[in-house]
Amino acid sequence: MKTFWVTVALLAMTASAWGSYRNDAVEVQIKTDQGRELPFYPAKGDGRQQTRLYAEAVKGDNYRIFIHNKTGRRVGVVVAVDGRNIISGQKSWLKSNEQMYILEPYGSGEFTGWRSGDDKVNRFYFTTADDSYAAAFNDESALGVIAVAAFPEVRRVDPPVEFYREQSWRGAGAAAPSMAKQAKKAESMADSAGTGYGHEEYSPVTRVEFEAEKTAMQKVLIKYEWRETLCQNGIISCRTPKHPGNRLWDNGGYAPPPPGRG
């Protein structure tokens, strides 16, 4: 039985606060500290248990991720930002053996930053790719993606036996990239959005025992981009409206016939 985390202040939240994305398992919403809810735009590649969405990021905004469990079972959620698990900071593959937060049946959680202790996080904020937390680890493999994978708790008849399992680390000893590859990488990241490791904030958690099923019941992948990128890619319409003209200035100089008369 693995030990996971549940945020103390979140269990009293109700489902009434939700509204952006819904399905049978979880609801996901992203809000900035200014109260702006990020609108979602559908992307290609949806499957039965996976949803892909676009969202518009505003540079410098702190943001938080809301997740609501719509099921009657305890659910563990693996949350990854820019491909990094928000609890451990390690590269995430959205697997059931990763560090996760636990949501009670029909419960909700608000996740505001990278967990840096049992009682603190460092806030999420939208920033340039080179300033992102992932870039500090030389990792752009999932830059600009907020991912949520929901795993239901294993149903058991007998009380489970407690055990603990260490996290595995990957990628140790990788060869350093060449100067040409580094330059190409910097160029590709120049206009990308990422999430930074922001100011510290009080956020207590308690540890609970939880055994997750191996397969996620739902995955939600949100690709956040700057507005200009969404415009260029045709995700949102950004055409400048035509100037309506000035009714006292831009006339033809003559009186037109009344409507209905040629």
Protein backbone atom coordinates (compact mmCIF):
# COMPACT_ATOMS: atom_id res chain seq x y z
CA MET A 1 0.00 0.00 0.00
CA LYS A 2 1.60 3.23 -1.10
CA THR A 3 1.38 6.54 0.74
CA PHE A 4 0.00 9.53 -1.16
CA TRP A 5 -1.01 13.09 -0.40
CA VAL A 6 -4.26 14.90 0.21
CA THR A 7 -4.46 18.65 0.71
CA VAL A 8 -6.02 19.42 4.07
CA ALA A 9 -8.04 22.51 3.14
CA LEU A 10 -9.66 21.10 0.01
CA LEU A 11 -12.08 18.46 1.19
CA ALA A 12 -14.80 21.00 2.00
CA MET A 13 -15.00 22.26 -1.59
CA THR A 14 -18.21 21.49 -3.48
CA ALA A 15 -18.93 20.72 -7.10
CA SER A 16 -20.75 24.02 -7.58
CA ALA A 17 -17.46 25.80 -8.31
CA TRP A 18 -16.88 23.87 -11.53
CA GLY A 19 -17.87 24.34 -15.10
CA SER A 20 -15.14 24.34 -17.75
CA TYR A 21 -14.56 20.69 -18.61
CA ARG A 22 -16.72 17.75 -17.57
CA ASN A 23 -16.93 14.03 -18.16
CA ASP A 24 -18.04 10.99 -16.22
CA ALA A 25 -14.90 10.77 -14.06
CA VAL A 26 -13.41 14.19 -13.31
CA GLU A 27 -13.87 17.89 -13.96
CA VAL A 28 -10.85 20.08 -14.64
CA GLN A 29 -10.65 23.86 -14.51
CA ILE A 30 -7.74 26.30 -14.65
CA LYS A 31 -8.00 29.77 -13.12
CA THR A 32 -5.58 32.63 -12.70
CA ASP A 33 -5.21 34.55 -9.44
CA GLN A 34 -7.00 37.43 -11.19
CA GLY A 35 -10.11 35.24 -11.38
CA ARG A 36 -9.88 34.55 -15.12
CA GLU A 37 -10.99 31.07 -16.08
CA LEU A 38 -9.04 29.73 -19.04
CA PRO A 39 -11.46 28.83 -21.84
CA PHE A 40 -10.86 25.43 -23.41
CA TYR A 41 -10.82 24.69 -27.15
CA PRO A 42 -11.14 21.09 -28.39
CA ALA A 43 -8.17 19.47 -30.11
CA LYS A 44 -7.96 16.45 -32.37
CA GLY A 45 -7.02 13.09 -30.94
CA ASP A 46 -9.71 12.47 -28.36
CA GLY A 47 -10.27 8.89 -27.31
CA ARG A 48 -12.76 7.20 -25.07
CA GLN A 49 -10.59 7.77 -21.99
CA GLN A 50 -8.52 10.76 -23.11
CA THR A 51 -9.48 14.35 -23.81
CA ARG A 52 -7.20 16.89 -25.52
CA LEU A 53 -7.81 20.63 -25.21
CA TYR A 54 -6.15 23.96 -25.94
CA ALA A 55 -6.09 26.90 -23.52
CA GLU A 56 -4.83 30.48 -23.72
CA ALA A 57 -2.02 31.45 -21.31
CA VAL A 58 -1.21 35.02 -20.28
CA LYS A 59 2.45 35.66 -19.52
CA GLY A 60 3.15 36.36 -15.85
CA ASP A 61 -0.19 35.13 -14.49
CA ASN A 62 -0.15 32.82 -11.47
CA TYR A 63 -2.61 29.99 -11.96
CA ARG A 64 -4.21 27.08 -10.14
CA ILE A 65 -5.62 23.73 -11.28
CA PHE A 66 -9.00 22.61 -9.93
CA ILE A 67 -10.03 18.95 -10.13
CA HIS A 68 -13.36 17.52 -9.00
CA ASN A 69 -14.00 13.81 -8.54
CA LYS A 70 -17.44 13.00 -9.93
CA THR A 71 -17.37 9.37 -8.84
CA GLY A 72 -18.41 7.65 -5.64
CA ARG A 73 -14.93 6.15 -5.19
CA ARG A 74 -11.69 7.61 -3.90
CA VAL A 75 -9.60 8.69 -6.85
CA GLY A 76 -5.88 9.38 -7.12
CA VAL A 77 -4.85 12.08 -9.59
CA VAL A 78 -1.41 12.28 -11.16
CA VAL A 79 -0.92 15.90 -12.22
CA ALA A 80 1.94 16.84 -14.53
CA VAL A 81 2.86 20.33 -15.73
CA ASP A 82 5.27 20.57 -18.66
CA GLY A 83 5.82 16.84 -18.27
CA ARG A 84 6.94 17.02 -14.61
CA ASN A 85 4.99 15.52 -11.71
CA ILE A 86 3.88 18.46 -9.54
CA ILE A 87 4.64 16.60 -6.28
CA SER A 88 7.98 14.94 -6.99
CA GLY A 89 9.23 17.20 -9.79
CA GLN A 90 10.31 14.09 -11.70
CA LYS A 91 9.52 13.41 -15.35
CA SER A 92 5.98 12.02 -15.53
CA TRP A 93 4.48 9.32 -17.72
CA LEU A 94 1.06 9.62 -16.01
CA LYS A 95 1.42 6.15 -14.45
CA SER A 96 -0.24 4.70 -11.38
CA ASN A 97 3.07 4.26 -9.51
CA GLU A 98 3.80 8.00 -9.49
CA GLN A 99 3.21 10.43 -6.64
CA MET A 100 -0.42 11.58 -6.67
CA TYR A 101 -3.05 13.54 -4.79
CA ILE A 102 -6.11 11.75 -3.42
CA LEU A 103 -9.67 13.03 -3.85
CA GLU A 104 -12.47 11.68 -1.68
CA PRO A 105 -15.72 10.48 -3.33
CA TYR A 106 -17.27 13.55 -4.98
CA GLY A 107 -14.47 15.63 -3.44
CA SER A 108 -12.40 18.42 -5.00
CA GLY A 109 -8.85 19.68 -4.96
CA GLU A 110 -7.07 22.93 -5.82
CA PHE A 111 -3.42 22.65 -6.83
CA THR A 112 -1.45 25.88 -6.95
CA GLY A 113 2.19 24.93 -7.36
CA TRP A 114 5.13 22.56 -7.25
CA ARG A 115 5.18 20.76 -3.89
CA SER A 116 8.38 21.64 -2.05
CA GLY A 117 7.45 20.28 1.40
CA ASP A 118 4.64 18.89 3.55
CA ASP A 119 3.32 22.40 4.14
CA LYS A 120 4.44 24.47 1.16
CA VAL A 121 4.40 24.78 -2.62
CA ASN A 122 6.07 27.09 -5.11
CA ARG A 123 3.46 28.70 -7.30
CA PHE A 124 2.67 27.97 -10.94
CA TYR A 125 2.98 30.94 -13.27
CA PHE A 126 2.95 31.26 -17.06
CA THR A 127 6.33 32.26 -18.41
CA THR A 128 8.71 31.80 -21.31
CA ALA A 129 10.03 28.33 -22.01
CA ASP A 130 13.58 29.12 -20.95
CA ASP A 131 12.32 30.32 -17.54
CA SER A 132 10.19 27.22 -16.96
CA TYR A 133 10.76 24.62 -14.25
CA ALA A 134 11.12 21.92 -16.91
CA ALA A 135 13.86 23.87 -18.71
CA ALA A 136 15.90 23.88 -15.49
CA PHE A 137 16.14 20.10 -15.99
CA ASN A 138 16.92 20.44 -19.70
CA ASP A 139 13.52 18.91 -20.51
CA GLU A 140 11.21 20.23 -23.24
CA SER A 141 9.61 16.86 -24.01
CA ALA A 142 6.14 17.95 -22.82
CA LEU A 143 6.48 21.72 -22.57
CA GLY A 144 3.22 23.67 -22.37
CA VAL A 145 1.01 20.73 -21.35
CA ILE A 146 -1.04 20.41 -18.16
CA ALA A 147 -1.98 16.75 -17.76
CA VAL A 148 -4.32 15.02 -15.32
CA ALA A 149 -4.66 11.23 -15.03
CA ALA A 150 -7.34 9.90 -12.65
CA PHE A 151 -6.93 6.45 -11.09
CA PRO A 152 -9.70 4.80 -9.03
CA GLU A 153 -8.79 3.04 -5.81
CA VAL A 154 -8.49 -0.75 -5.95
CA ARG A 155 -11.56 -2.41 -4.47
CA ARG A 156 -10.68 -4.96 -1.79
CA VAL A 157 -12.62 -7.39 0.36
CA ASP A 158 -9.85 -7.97 2.93
CA PRO A 159 -7.85 -5.12 4.51
CA PRO A 160 -4.77 -4.46 2.36
CA VAL A 161 -1.26 -5.09 3.64
CA GLU A 162 0.74 -1.92 4.05
CA PHE A 163 3.94 -1.53 2.07
CA TYR A 164 6.08 1.26 0.65
CA ARG A 165 7.86 1.48 -2.67
CA GLU A 166 10.63 3.86 -3.64
CA GLN A 167 10.29 6.08 -6.67
CA SER A 168 12.48 5.14 -9.63
CA TRP A 169 14.61 7.79 -11.32
CA ARG A 170 15.14 7.89 -15.07
CA GLY A 171 17.55 9.58 -17.42
CA ALA A 172 20.64 9.56 -15.19
CA GLY A 173 23.95 9.73 -17.00
CA ALA A 174 22.62 11.15 -20.28
CA ALA A 175 25.24 12.55 -22.64
CA ALA A 176 25.53 16.32 -22.87
CA PRO A 177 24.01 17.75 -26.10
CA SER A 178 26.27 19.36 -28.68
CA MET A 179 26.48 23.16 -29.04
CA ALA A 180 24.55 22.97 -32.33
CA LYS A 181 21.77 20.96 -30.72
CA GLN A 182 21.63 23.39 -27.78
CA ALA A 183 21.30 26.35 -30.14
CA LYS A 184 18.57 24.63 -32.14
CA LYS A 185 16.75 23.76 -28.92
CA ALA A 186 16.94 27.36 -27.65
CA GLU A 187 15.51 28.60 -30.96
CA SER A 188 12.63 26.11 -30.83
CA MET A 189 11.77 27.11 -27.25
CA ALA A 190 11.99 30.87 -27.83
CA ASP A 191 8.29 31.45 -28.51
CA SER A 192 6.88 28.63 -26.38
CA ALA A 193 4.90 28.96 -23.15
CA GLY A 194 5.97 27.21 -19.97
CA THR A 195 5.34 27.17 -16.23
CA GLY A 196 7.77 28.64 -13.75
CA TYR A 197 8.74 27.76 -10.16
CA GLY A 198 7.25 30.78 -8.43
CA HIS A 199 7.04 32.23 -4.93
CA GLU A 200 6.56 29.98 -1.92
CA GLU A 201 3.07 29.58 -0.46
CA TYR A 202 1.67 27.76 2.59
CA SER A 203 -0.18 24.59 1.54
CA PRO A 204 -0.37 21.78 4.14
CA VAL A 205 -0.97 18.15 3.22
CA THR A 206 -1.51 14.88 5.08
CA ARG A 207 -0.42 11.44 3.88
CA VAL A 208 -2.97 8.69 3.35
CA GLU A 209 -2.81 5.05 2.27
CA PHE A 210 -4.09 4.40 -1.23
CA GLU A 211 -3.64 1.68 -3.85
CA ALA A 212 -4.45 2.79 -7.38
CA GLU A 213 -5.67 0.65 -10.21
CA LYS A 214 -3.04 0.34 -12.92
CA THR A 215 -5.15 1.89 -15.67
CA ALA A 216 -6.39 5.49 -15.58
CA MET A 217 -10.14 5.95 -15.82
CA GLN A 218 -9.60 9.32 -17.52
CA LYS A 219 -6.80 11.50 -18.85
CA VAL A 220 -7.16 15.20 -19.62
CA LEU A 221 -4.36 16.91 -21.59
CA ILE A 222 -4.45 20.71 -21.85
CA LYS A 223 -2.00 22.42 -24.24
CA TYR A 224 -1.61 26.04 -23.20
CA GLU A 225 -0.23 28.58 -25.66
CA TRP A 226 0.15 32.35 -26.02
CA ARG A 227 -2.75 34.00 -27.82
CA GLU A 228 -0.67 34.77 -30.92
CA THR A 229 0.26 31.09 -31.24
CA LEU A 230 -3.38 30.00 -30.94
CA CYS A 231 -4.23 32.57 -33.62
CA GLN A 232 -1.46 31.40 -35.96
CA ASN A 233 -2.53 27.78 -35.58
CA GLY A 234 -6.19 28.58 -36.21
CA ILE A 235 -7.32 27.40 -32.77
CA ILE A 236 -9.09 30.69 -32.12
CA SER A 237 -10.33 33.35 -34.54
CA CYS A 238 -8.29 36.53 -34.29
CA ARG A 239 -9.37 38.45 -37.38
CA THR A 240 -9.48 42.18 -36.88
CA PRO A 241 -13.06 43.45 -37.33
CA LYS A 242 -13.61 45.84 -40.20
CA HIS A 243 -13.86 49.49 -39.25
CA PRO A 244 -17.55 50.43 -39.35
CA GLY A 245 -16.80 53.85 -40.84
CA ASN A 246 -17.88 57.29 -39.74
CA ARG A 247 -21.52 58.09 -40.51
CA LEU A 248 -20.86 61.83 -40.72
CA TRP A 249 -17.71 61.55 -42.79
CA ASP A 250 -17.65 58.43 -44.96
CA ASN A 251 -20.71 59.02 -47.16
CA GLY A 252 -21.00 59.01 -50.90
CA GLY A 253 -21.92 62.67 -51.15
CA TYR A 254 -25.43 62.09 -52.60
CA ALA A 255 -28.82 61.16 -51.19
CA PRO A 256 -29.64 57.49 -51.94
CA PRO A 257 -33.24 56.52 -52.82
CA PRO A 258 -35.42 55.32 -49.92
CA PRO A 259 -35.45 51.58 -49.26
CA GLY A 260 -37.63 49.78 -51.80
CA ARG A 261 -37.22 52.38 -54.55
CA GLY A 262 -34.81 51.86 -57.38
